[in-house]
N, C-alpha and C. Protein backbone atom coordinates (compact mmCIF):
# COMPACT_ATOMS: atom_id res chain seq x y z
N GLU A 1 -31.80 2.09 13.27
CA GLU A 1 -31.02 0.75 13.57
C GLU A 1 -29.78 0.78 12.66
N LYS A 2 -29.85 1.27 11.39
CA LYS A 2 -28.70 1.29 10.52
C LYS A 2 -27.73 2.22 11.04
N ASP A 3 -27.97 3.39 11.51
CA ASP A 3 -27.07 4.24 12.22
C ASP A 3 -26.40 3.47 13.35
N THR A 4 -27.13 2.88 14.10
CA THR A 4 -26.40 2.12 15.33
C THR A 4 -25.47 1.11 14.75
N GLN A 5 -25.82 0.30 13.78
CA GLN A 5 -24.93 -0.77 13.16
C GLN A 5 -23.61 -0.03 12.60
N ARG A 6 -23.95 1.04 11.89
CA ARG A 6 -22.84 1.74 11.31
C ARG A 6 -21.87 2.35 12.41
N LEU A 7 -22.44 2.85 13.60
CA LEU A 7 -21.44 3.38 14.66
C LEU A 7 -20.78 2.15 15.23
N GLU A 8 -21.40 0.88 15.38
CA GLU A 8 -20.64 -0.14 16.10
C GLU A 8 -19.59 -0.63 15.06
N LYS A 9 -19.68 -0.60 13.72
CA LYS A 9 -18.70 -0.95 12.75
C LYS A 9 -17.57 0.01 12.94
N ILE A 10 -17.77 1.37 13.08
CA ILE A 10 -16.79 2.36 13.20
C ILE A 10 -16.03 2.08 14.48
N THR A 11 -16.64 1.83 15.63
CA THR A 11 -16.16 1.65 16.96
C THR A 11 -15.16 0.39 16.76
N GLU A 12 -15.68 -0.75 16.10
CA GLU A 12 -14.86 -1.94 15.99
C GLU A 12 -13.67 -1.57 15.25
N ARG A 13 -13.78 -0.81 14.14
CA ARG A 13 -12.55 -0.51 13.38
C ARG A 13 -11.49 0.27 14.21
N PHE A 14 -11.84 1.25 14.82
CA PHE A 14 -11.00 2.06 15.67
C PHE A 14 -10.32 1.33 16.84
N SER A 15 -11.22 0.34 17.29
CA SER A 15 -10.56 -0.48 18.55
C SER A 15 -9.46 -1.33 17.90
N LYS A 16 -9.63 -1.66 16.75
CA LYS A 16 -8.50 -2.70 16.13
C LYS A 16 -7.34 -1.93 15.58
N ILE A 17 -7.42 -0.74 15.40
CA ILE A 17 -6.31 -0.05 14.83
C ILE A 17 -5.13 0.04 15.81
N GLY A 18 -5.45 0.19 17.13
CA GLY A 18 -4.45 0.17 18.19
C GLY A 18 -3.98 -1.18 18.50
N SER A 19 -4.50 -2.32 18.21
CA SER A 19 -4.09 -3.51 18.59
C SER A 19 -3.79 -4.42 17.37
N LYS A 20 -3.15 -5.70 17.70
CA LYS A 20 -2.84 -6.48 16.69
C LYS A 20 -4.08 -7.39 16.24
N PRO A 21 -4.61 -7.02 15.15
CA PRO A 21 -5.81 -7.71 14.79
C PRO A 21 -5.70 -9.29 14.32
N GLU A 22 -6.73 -10.10 14.53
CA GLU A 22 -6.69 -11.38 14.40
C GLU A 22 -6.97 -11.39 12.70
N LEU A 23 -6.10 -12.20 12.02
CA LEU A 23 -6.40 -12.43 10.63
C LEU A 23 -6.87 -13.79 10.40
N ILE A 24 -8.12 -14.00 9.84
CA ILE A 24 -8.69 -15.37 9.63
C ILE A 24 -8.91 -15.45 8.30
N PRO A 25 -9.04 -16.60 7.73
CA PRO A 25 -9.28 -16.83 6.27
C PRO A 25 -10.70 -16.29 5.97
N THR A 26 -10.71 -15.41 4.96
CA THR A 26 -12.03 -14.68 4.62
C THR A 26 -12.19 -14.62 3.15
N ASN A 27 -13.32 -14.68 2.70
CA ASN A 27 -13.60 -14.62 1.31
C ASN A 27 -13.58 -13.13 0.80
N ILE A 28 -12.50 -12.68 0.14
CA ILE A 28 -12.35 -11.23 -0.35
C ILE A 28 -13.50 -10.81 -1.15
N VAL A 29 -13.97 -11.83 -1.95
CA VAL A 29 -15.19 -11.37 -2.86
C VAL A 29 -16.28 -10.90 -2.07
N GLU A 30 -16.72 -11.64 -0.98
CA GLU A 30 -17.79 -11.28 -0.16
C GLU A 30 -17.46 -9.83 0.63
N VAL A 31 -16.38 -9.59 1.14
CA VAL A 31 -15.99 -8.36 1.55
C VAL A 31 -15.96 -7.29 0.73
N LEU A 32 -15.55 -7.37 -0.48
CA LEU A 32 -15.63 -6.36 -1.62
C LEU A 32 -16.96 -6.01 -1.89
N LEU A 33 -17.69 -7.13 -2.07
CA LEU A 33 -19.37 -6.87 -2.42
C LEU A 33 -20.05 -6.15 -1.47
N SER A 34 -19.77 -6.41 -0.27
CA SER A 34 -20.49 -5.93 0.93
C SER A 34 -20.16 -4.41 0.99
N THR A 35 -18.86 -4.16 0.87
CA THR A 35 -18.41 -2.72 0.90
C THR A 35 -18.78 -1.91 -0.15
N ILE A 36 -18.89 -2.49 -1.31
CA ILE A 36 -19.36 -1.80 -2.54
C ILE A 36 -20.78 -1.32 -2.47
N SER A 37 -21.59 -2.35 -1.96
CA SER A 37 -23.04 -2.28 -1.72
C SER A 37 -23.24 -1.08 -0.73
N TYR A 38 -22.45 -1.03 0.27
CA TYR A 38 -22.63 0.02 1.32
C TYR A 38 -22.42 1.37 0.77
N LEU A 39 -21.32 1.51 -0.08
CA LEU A 39 -20.85 2.75 -0.83
C LEU A 39 -21.83 3.24 -1.72
N GLU A 40 -22.42 2.19 -2.54
CA GLU A 40 -23.38 2.64 -3.61
C GLU A 40 -24.75 3.22 -3.09
N THR A 41 -24.98 2.87 -1.90
CA THR A 41 -26.28 3.37 -1.19
C THR A 41 -25.92 4.87 -0.56
N ARG A 42 -24.71 5.10 -0.40
CA ARG A 42 -24.21 6.38 0.12
C ARG A 42 -23.55 7.38 -0.84
N SER A 43 -23.47 7.06 -2.17
CA SER A 43 -22.90 7.87 -3.00
C SER A 43 -23.96 8.29 -4.06
N SER A 44 -23.50 9.34 -4.77
CA SER A 44 -24.32 9.98 -5.90
C SER A 44 -24.55 9.05 -6.99
N GLY A 45 -25.65 9.17 -7.84
CA GLY A 45 -25.89 8.27 -8.98
C GLY A 45 -25.04 8.82 -10.02
N LYS A 46 -24.36 9.74 -9.91
CA LYS A 46 -23.12 10.13 -10.85
C LYS A 46 -21.99 9.16 -10.79
N ILE A 47 -21.99 8.26 -9.77
CA ILE A 47 -20.78 7.36 -9.65
C ILE A 47 -21.35 6.06 -9.91
N LYS A 48 -20.51 5.37 -10.86
CA LYS A 48 -21.05 3.88 -11.21
C LYS A 48 -19.75 3.12 -10.65
N PHE A 49 -20.36 2.03 -9.92
CA PHE A 49 -19.41 1.05 -9.45
C PHE A 49 -19.37 -0.18 -10.33
N ILE A 50 -18.10 -0.65 -10.77
CA ILE A 50 -18.13 -1.74 -11.67
C ILE A 50 -17.25 -2.85 -10.86
N THR A 51 -17.67 -4.09 -11.11
CA THR A 51 -16.65 -5.16 -10.57
C THR A 51 -16.18 -5.85 -11.51
N ASP A 52 -14.92 -6.29 -11.35
CA ASP A 52 -14.29 -7.21 -12.44
C ASP A 52 -13.51 -8.28 -11.59
N PHE A 53 -14.07 -9.16 -11.13
CA PHE A 53 -13.47 -10.31 -10.28
C PHE A 53 -13.05 -11.50 -11.03
N ASN A 54 -13.03 -11.43 -12.41
CA ASN A 54 -12.40 -12.46 -13.20
C ASN A 54 -13.16 -13.86 -12.90
N GLY A 55 -14.50 -13.73 -12.68
CA GLY A 55 -15.26 -14.95 -12.53
C GLY A 55 -15.22 -15.64 -11.03
N TYR A 56 -14.23 -14.92 -10.19
CA TYR A 56 -14.14 -15.46 -8.77
C TYR A 56 -15.52 -15.16 -8.03
N THR A 57 -15.85 -16.18 -7.30
CA THR A 57 -17.05 -16.01 -6.30
C THR A 57 -16.36 -16.32 -4.86
N LYS A 58 -15.27 -16.86 -5.04
CA LYS A 58 -14.57 -17.14 -3.60
C LYS A 58 -13.05 -17.14 -3.79
N LEU A 59 -12.42 -16.32 -3.06
CA LEU A 59 -10.94 -16.22 -3.13
C LEU A 59 -10.58 -15.71 -1.66
N GLU A 60 -9.93 -16.68 -1.09
CA GLU A 60 -9.70 -16.49 0.45
C GLU A 60 -8.22 -15.81 0.62
N ALA A 61 -8.17 -15.06 1.72
CA ALA A 61 -6.85 -14.55 2.17
C ALA A 61 -7.01 -14.35 3.67
N PRO A 62 -5.90 -14.41 4.45
CA PRO A 62 -5.95 -14.06 5.87
C PRO A 62 -6.31 -12.66 6.04
N LEU A 63 -7.52 -12.30 6.63
CA LEU A 63 -7.90 -10.93 6.71
C LEU A 63 -8.56 -10.60 8.05
N ASN A 64 -8.46 -9.32 8.37
CA ASN A 64 -9.25 -8.84 9.32
C ASN A 64 -10.32 -8.06 8.57
N ALA A 65 -11.55 -8.54 8.33
CA ALA A 65 -12.45 -8.09 7.53
C ALA A 65 -12.83 -6.81 7.62
N ALA A 66 -13.01 -6.28 9.02
CA ALA A 66 -13.59 -4.92 9.40
C ALA A 66 -12.40 -3.87 8.93
N LEU A 67 -11.21 -4.07 9.04
CA LEU A 67 -10.13 -3.23 8.60
C LEU A 67 -9.87 -3.15 7.20
N PHE A 68 -9.96 -4.33 6.54
CA PHE A 68 -9.69 -4.40 5.15
C PHE A 68 -10.95 -3.62 4.35
N SER A 69 -12.06 -3.93 4.85
CA SER A 69 -13.32 -3.21 4.40
C SER A 69 -13.09 -1.49 4.55
N TRP A 70 -12.64 -1.21 5.63
CA TRP A 70 -12.34 0.22 5.88
C TRP A 70 -11.43 0.67 4.67
N VAL A 71 -10.30 0.04 4.38
CA VAL A 71 -9.24 0.38 3.43
C VAL A 71 -10.10 0.57 2.14
N ILE A 72 -10.76 -0.47 1.67
CA ILE A 72 -11.43 -0.29 0.40
C ILE A 72 -12.52 0.85 0.46
N GLU A 73 -13.09 0.98 1.40
CA GLU A 73 -14.10 2.16 1.73
C GLU A 73 -13.34 3.59 1.61
N ASN A 74 -12.18 3.52 2.16
CA ASN A 74 -11.30 4.79 2.17
C ASN A 74 -10.92 5.20 0.57
N LEU A 75 -10.39 4.15 0.00
CA LEU A 75 -9.87 4.36 -1.34
C LEU A 75 -11.02 4.67 -2.29
N CYS A 76 -12.22 4.14 -2.08
CA CYS A 76 -13.31 4.69 -2.99
C CYS A 76 -13.89 5.83 -2.68
N LYS A 77 -13.92 6.17 -1.36
CA LYS A 77 -14.29 7.61 -1.02
C LYS A 77 -13.31 8.68 -1.56
N ASN A 78 -12.06 8.38 -1.53
CA ASN A 78 -11.10 9.11 -2.13
C ASN A 78 -11.28 9.34 -3.68
N ALA A 79 -11.63 8.13 -4.14
CA ALA A 79 -12.01 8.11 -5.56
C ALA A 79 -13.18 9.04 -6.02
N ILE A 80 -14.25 8.83 -5.27
CA ILE A 80 -15.41 9.60 -5.51
C ILE A 80 -14.99 11.11 -5.35
N ASP A 81 -14.23 11.68 -4.43
CA ASP A 81 -13.86 12.94 -4.30
C ASP A 81 -13.02 13.37 -5.63
N ALA A 82 -12.30 12.46 -6.12
CA ALA A 82 -11.51 12.84 -7.27
C ALA A 82 -12.26 12.85 -8.56
N ILE A 83 -13.39 12.28 -8.65
CA ILE A 83 -14.20 12.45 -9.74
C ILE A 83 -15.11 13.63 -9.82
N GLN A 84 -14.85 14.49 -10.79
CA GLN A 84 -15.48 15.69 -10.73
C GLN A 84 -17.00 15.78 -10.97
N ASN A 85 -17.36 15.10 -11.89
CA ASN A 85 -18.93 14.95 -12.10
C ASN A 85 -19.39 13.45 -12.23
N TYR A 86 -19.40 13.04 -13.42
CA TYR A 86 -19.84 11.66 -13.58
C TYR A 86 -18.47 10.74 -13.74
N GLY A 87 -18.56 9.58 -13.28
CA GLY A 87 -17.43 8.65 -13.50
C GLY A 87 -17.72 7.37 -12.90
N THR A 88 -16.78 6.42 -13.11
CA THR A 88 -16.60 5.07 -12.66
C THR A 88 -15.63 4.79 -11.68
N ILE A 89 -15.87 3.94 -10.87
CA ILE A 89 -14.92 3.21 -9.91
C ILE A 89 -15.02 1.69 -10.25
N THR A 90 -13.84 1.10 -10.61
CA THR A 90 -13.80 -0.18 -10.90
C THR A 90 -13.01 -1.04 -9.96
N ILE A 91 -13.47 -1.99 -9.40
CA ILE A 91 -12.96 -2.84 -8.45
C ILE A 91 -12.57 -4.17 -9.12
N GLY A 92 -11.15 -4.51 -9.22
CA GLY A 92 -10.70 -5.61 -9.99
C GLY A 92 -10.05 -6.53 -8.93
N LEU A 93 -10.18 -7.89 -9.23
CA LEU A 93 -9.61 -8.80 -8.58
C LEU A 93 -9.08 -9.92 -9.29
N LYS A 94 -7.81 -10.43 -8.98
CA LYS A 94 -7.21 -11.46 -9.58
C LYS A 94 -6.18 -12.06 -8.71
N GLU A 95 -5.72 -13.21 -9.21
CA GLU A 95 -4.67 -13.81 -8.44
C GLU A 95 -3.48 -14.26 -9.29
N LYS A 96 -2.41 -14.29 -8.84
CA LYS A 96 -1.15 -14.55 -9.37
C LYS A 96 -0.22 -15.27 -8.43
N ASP A 97 0.21 -16.40 -8.81
CA ASP A 97 0.95 -17.36 -7.86
C ASP A 97 0.37 -17.26 -6.54
N ASP A 98 1.01 -16.93 -5.41
CA ASP A 98 0.36 -16.94 -4.05
C ASP A 98 -0.11 -15.66 -3.66
N ASN A 99 -0.54 -14.77 -4.56
CA ASN A 99 -1.01 -13.46 -4.30
C ASN A 99 -2.32 -13.22 -4.82
N VAL A 100 -3.00 -12.33 -4.03
CA VAL A 100 -4.41 -11.85 -4.53
C VAL A 100 -4.22 -10.21 -4.83
N MET A 101 -4.65 -9.86 -5.93
CA MET A 101 -4.47 -8.43 -6.12
C MET A 101 -5.68 -7.74 -6.43
N ILE A 102 -5.79 -6.69 -5.63
CA ILE A 102 -7.15 -5.92 -5.77
C ILE A 102 -6.67 -4.63 -6.37
N ASP A 103 -7.42 -4.23 -7.48
CA ASP A 103 -7.11 -2.77 -8.15
C ASP A 103 -8.41 -1.97 -7.97
N ILE A 104 -8.20 -0.81 -7.61
CA ILE A 104 -9.28 0.13 -7.40
C ILE A 104 -8.99 1.25 -8.34
N THR A 105 -9.80 1.35 -9.53
CA THR A 105 -9.45 2.41 -10.49
C THR A 105 -10.58 3.31 -10.61
N ASP A 106 -10.30 4.71 -10.70
CA ASP A 106 -11.31 5.69 -10.84
C ASP A 106 -11.07 6.47 -12.16
N THR A 107 -12.06 7.18 -12.61
CA THR A 107 -11.89 8.12 -13.67
C THR A 107 -11.82 9.71 -13.09
N GLY A 108 -11.12 9.75 -12.08
CA GLY A 108 -11.06 11.17 -11.39
C GLY A 108 -9.93 12.04 -12.16
N LYS A 109 -9.57 12.90 -11.27
CA LYS A 109 -8.51 13.94 -11.75
C LYS A 109 -7.00 13.42 -11.83
N GLY A 110 -6.84 12.25 -11.18
CA GLY A 110 -5.39 11.85 -11.37
C GLY A 110 -4.40 12.30 -10.32
N ILE A 111 -3.31 11.65 -10.21
CA ILE A 111 -2.33 12.22 -9.32
C ILE A 111 -0.98 12.13 -10.20
N SER A 112 -0.18 13.23 -9.94
CA SER A 112 1.06 13.42 -10.68
C SER A 112 2.10 12.30 -10.19
N LYS A 113 2.88 11.80 -10.98
CA LYS A 113 3.81 10.79 -10.66
C LYS A 113 4.71 11.21 -9.41
N SER A 114 4.98 12.47 -9.24
CA SER A 114 5.95 12.92 -8.15
C SER A 114 5.14 12.69 -6.77
N GLN A 115 3.82 12.46 -6.82
CA GLN A 115 3.03 12.42 -5.59
C GLN A 115 2.80 10.81 -5.30
N PHE A 116 3.08 10.03 -6.13
CA PHE A 116 2.74 8.50 -5.91
C PHE A 116 3.09 8.10 -4.50
N LYS A 117 4.15 8.40 -3.94
CA LYS A 117 4.59 8.03 -2.64
C LYS A 117 4.14 8.85 -1.48
N VAL A 118 4.15 10.07 -1.78
CA VAL A 118 3.72 11.25 -0.84
C VAL A 118 2.33 11.11 -0.43
N VAL A 119 1.42 10.60 -1.25
CA VAL A 119 0.08 10.40 -0.80
C VAL A 119 -0.22 9.55 0.37
N PHE A 120 0.71 8.69 0.69
CA PHE A 120 0.69 7.81 1.79
C PHE A 120 1.20 8.52 3.03
N HIS A 121 1.78 9.58 2.97
CA HIS A 121 2.41 10.26 4.19
C HIS A 121 1.21 10.86 4.98
N PRO A 122 1.35 10.68 6.45
CA PRO A 122 0.31 11.20 7.27
C PRO A 122 0.38 12.78 7.15
N GLY A 123 -0.93 13.38 7.03
CA GLY A 123 -1.02 14.75 6.89
C GLY A 123 -1.24 15.27 5.44
N TYR A 124 -0.82 14.48 4.44
CA TYR A 124 -0.99 14.80 3.08
C TYR A 124 -2.43 14.70 2.65
N SER A 125 -3.04 15.93 1.94
CA SER A 125 -4.24 15.86 1.55
C SER A 125 -4.41 16.83 0.40
N THR A 126 -5.29 16.67 -0.48
CA THR A 126 -5.61 17.75 -1.51
C THR A 126 -6.99 18.23 -1.14
N LYS A 127 -7.52 17.86 -0.19
CA LYS A 127 -8.98 18.25 0.34
C LYS A 127 -8.80 19.51 1.15
N LYS A 128 -9.88 20.42 1.31
CA LYS A 128 -9.92 21.48 2.29
C LYS A 128 -10.21 20.96 3.50
N ARG A 129 -11.06 19.86 3.59
CA ARG A 129 -11.32 19.21 4.92
C ARG A 129 -10.63 17.93 5.09
N GLY A 130 -10.48 17.59 6.39
CA GLY A 130 -9.83 16.27 6.66
C GLY A 130 -8.52 16.35 7.27
N TRP A 131 -7.97 15.39 7.86
CA TRP A 131 -6.66 15.40 8.33
C TRP A 131 -5.49 14.71 7.50
N GLY A 132 -5.89 14.16 6.30
CA GLY A 132 -4.83 13.56 5.60
C GLY A 132 -4.23 12.25 6.17
N LEU A 133 -5.22 11.52 6.91
CA LEU A 133 -4.69 10.29 7.51
C LEU A 133 -5.22 9.00 6.79
N GLY A 134 -6.16 9.12 6.00
CA GLY A 134 -6.77 7.97 5.35
C GLY A 134 -5.88 6.98 4.82
N LEU A 135 -5.09 7.53 3.69
CA LEU A 135 -4.02 6.68 3.07
C LEU A 135 -2.97 6.20 3.96
N SER A 136 -2.54 7.00 4.93
CA SER A 136 -1.62 6.48 5.79
C SER A 136 -1.87 5.41 6.72
N LEU A 137 -3.15 5.52 7.08
CA LEU A 137 -3.86 4.43 7.88
C LEU A 137 -4.04 3.24 6.93
N ALA A 138 -4.44 3.44 5.82
CA ALA A 138 -4.76 2.24 4.79
C ALA A 138 -3.32 1.56 4.58
N ARG A 139 -2.25 2.26 4.47
CA ARG A 139 -0.99 1.53 4.18
C ARG A 139 -0.62 0.74 5.57
N ARG A 140 -0.79 1.42 6.62
CA ARG A 140 -0.39 0.58 7.85
C ARG A 140 -1.32 -0.68 8.05
N ILE A 141 -2.69 -0.64 7.76
CA ILE A 141 -3.51 -1.68 7.83
C ILE A 141 -2.97 -2.84 6.96
N ILE A 142 -2.76 -2.35 5.59
CA ILE A 142 -2.36 -3.53 4.59
C ILE A 142 -0.90 -3.95 4.89
N GLU A 143 -0.01 -3.06 5.12
CA GLU A 143 1.42 -3.51 5.09
C GLU A 143 1.91 -4.05 6.51
N ASN A 144 1.46 -3.38 7.57
CA ASN A 144 1.71 -3.73 8.94
C ASN A 144 1.00 -5.00 9.40
N TYR A 145 -0.35 -4.72 9.36
CA TYR A 145 -1.31 -5.95 9.90
C TYR A 145 -1.49 -7.05 8.96
N HIS A 146 -1.58 -6.79 7.71
CA HIS A 146 -1.85 -7.89 6.60
C HIS A 146 -0.61 -8.47 5.92
N LYS A 147 0.53 -7.75 6.22
CA LYS A 147 1.88 -8.14 5.51
C LYS A 147 1.62 -8.13 4.10
N GLY A 148 0.91 -7.15 3.55
CA GLY A 148 0.69 -6.97 1.99
C GLY A 148 1.41 -5.82 1.60
N LYS A 149 0.85 -5.39 0.44
CA LYS A 149 1.48 -4.02 -0.19
C LYS A 149 0.24 -3.28 -0.75
N ILE A 150 0.41 -1.89 -0.66
CA ILE A 150 -0.43 -0.86 -1.30
C ILE A 150 0.33 0.14 -1.95
N PHE A 151 -0.10 0.36 -3.17
CA PHE A 151 0.67 1.51 -3.90
C PHE A 151 -0.10 2.13 -5.02
N VAL A 152 0.19 3.11 -5.64
CA VAL A 152 -0.34 3.75 -6.87
C VAL A 152 0.21 3.02 -8.05
N LYS A 153 -0.61 2.20 -8.68
CA LYS A 153 -0.16 1.32 -9.85
C LYS A 153 0.02 2.26 -11.02
N TRP A 154 -0.91 3.27 -11.22
CA TRP A 154 -1.20 3.95 -12.49
C TRP A 154 -1.92 5.27 -12.21
N SER A 155 -1.47 6.29 -12.61
CA SER A 155 -2.26 7.59 -12.62
C SER A 155 -1.85 8.47 -13.77
N GLU A 156 -2.81 9.06 -14.28
CA GLU A 156 -2.53 10.11 -15.44
C GLU A 156 -3.56 11.38 -14.91
N THR A 157 -2.91 12.46 -14.91
CA THR A 157 -3.75 13.77 -14.55
C THR A 157 -4.85 13.85 -15.73
N GLY A 158 -6.00 13.94 -15.02
CA GLY A 158 -7.25 14.22 -16.00
C GLY A 158 -7.83 12.92 -16.45
N LYS A 159 -7.27 11.76 -16.19
CA LYS A 159 -7.80 10.44 -16.61
C LYS A 159 -8.34 9.46 -15.60
N GLY A 160 -7.50 9.60 -14.44
CA GLY A 160 -7.80 8.54 -13.31
C GLY A 160 -6.63 8.08 -12.59
N THR A 161 -6.89 7.17 -11.64
CA THR A 161 -5.73 6.56 -10.79
C THR A 161 -6.23 5.01 -10.55
N THR A 162 -5.26 4.16 -10.33
CA THR A 162 -5.50 2.90 -9.97
C THR A 162 -4.66 2.60 -8.77
N PHE A 163 -5.19 2.35 -7.49
CA PHE A 163 -4.41 1.84 -6.43
C PHE A 163 -4.48 0.23 -6.45
N ARG A 164 -3.31 -0.34 -6.17
CA ARG A 164 -3.21 -1.77 -6.05
C ARG A 164 -2.93 -2.35 -4.61
N ILE A 165 -3.74 -3.32 -4.19
CA ILE A 165 -3.42 -4.01 -3.11
C ILE A 165 -2.90 -5.31 -3.36
N ILE A 166 -1.85 -5.79 -2.83
CA ILE A 166 -1.37 -7.16 -2.88
C ILE A 166 -1.42 -7.92 -1.48
N LEU A 167 -2.14 -9.06 -1.49
CA LEU A 167 -2.19 -9.76 -0.36
C LEU A 167 -1.74 -11.27 -0.47
N LYS A 168 -1.36 -11.99 0.47
CA LYS A 168 -1.00 -13.40 0.28
C LYS A 168 -2.43 -14.19 0.36
N LYS A 169 -2.46 -15.04 -0.42
CA LYS A 169 -3.71 -15.95 -0.51
C LYS A 169 -3.69 -16.85 0.75
N TYR A 170 -4.78 -17.32 1.03
CA TYR A 170 -4.91 -18.34 2.24
C TYR A 170 -4.68 -19.75 1.62
N LYS A 171 -3.53 -20.22 2.40
CA LYS A 171 -3.16 -21.77 1.96
C LYS A 171 -3.54 -22.59 3.04
N ARG A 172 -4.23 -23.59 2.72
CA ARG A 172 -4.57 -24.62 3.73
C ARG A 172 -3.48 -25.62 3.94
N ALA A 173 -3.16 -25.90 5.13
CA ALA A 173 -2.04 -26.73 5.48
C ALA A 173 -2.32 -28.14 4.86
N ILE A 174 -1.52 -28.85 4.27
CA ILE A 174 -1.60 -30.08 3.70
C ILE A 174 -0.86 -31.07 4.62
N HIS A 175 -1.49 -32.15 5.30
CA HIS A 175 -0.93 -33.14 6.03
C HIS A 175 -0.67 -34.37 5.27
N THR A 176 0.59 -34.93 5.28
CA THR A 176 0.78 -36.21 4.66
C THR A 176 1.40 -37.08 5.70
N GLU A 177 1.13 -38.20 5.72
CA GLU A 177 1.72 -39.26 6.55
C GLU A 177 2.55 -40.20 5.76
N ILE A 178 3.80 -40.52 6.45
CA ILE A 178 4.81 -41.38 5.90
C ILE A 178 4.61 -42.80 6.37
């Protein structure tokens, strides 16, 4: 049953990549926790996931939850691959002005500064397997569909990397009568 649910989720994601997805007000905290929970059950005990949500239990942004979750999953899987033995992946969440910022920090091998932009190019990969499409799709999902930003915030060879995603917060319309 879990395999069937997983395949349905993958099918849903791929069907949405080719079309303009509907963005609905979604609690980012719930999406992050669900994605992390899924990843924890499928990754080695050598990887520890840490959440730093600054006390938030609810923070809404216009999202397509299936695609956003896939982006987080992709970034975390890349982080797992970058961690040689034991390490941590920290998912941070904060807001500033009208923005929500999600930081995904790993204790992996790091990326040289000259590669910060190149990692998002289709076909770029440091792995022996794969097509090098994960980060280019992640950028397309965040920037084109969600009108946000994704970039390498920090990286140091041998110490780790932080990817940052910036999205607009959901703002409810306020109606006033004169």
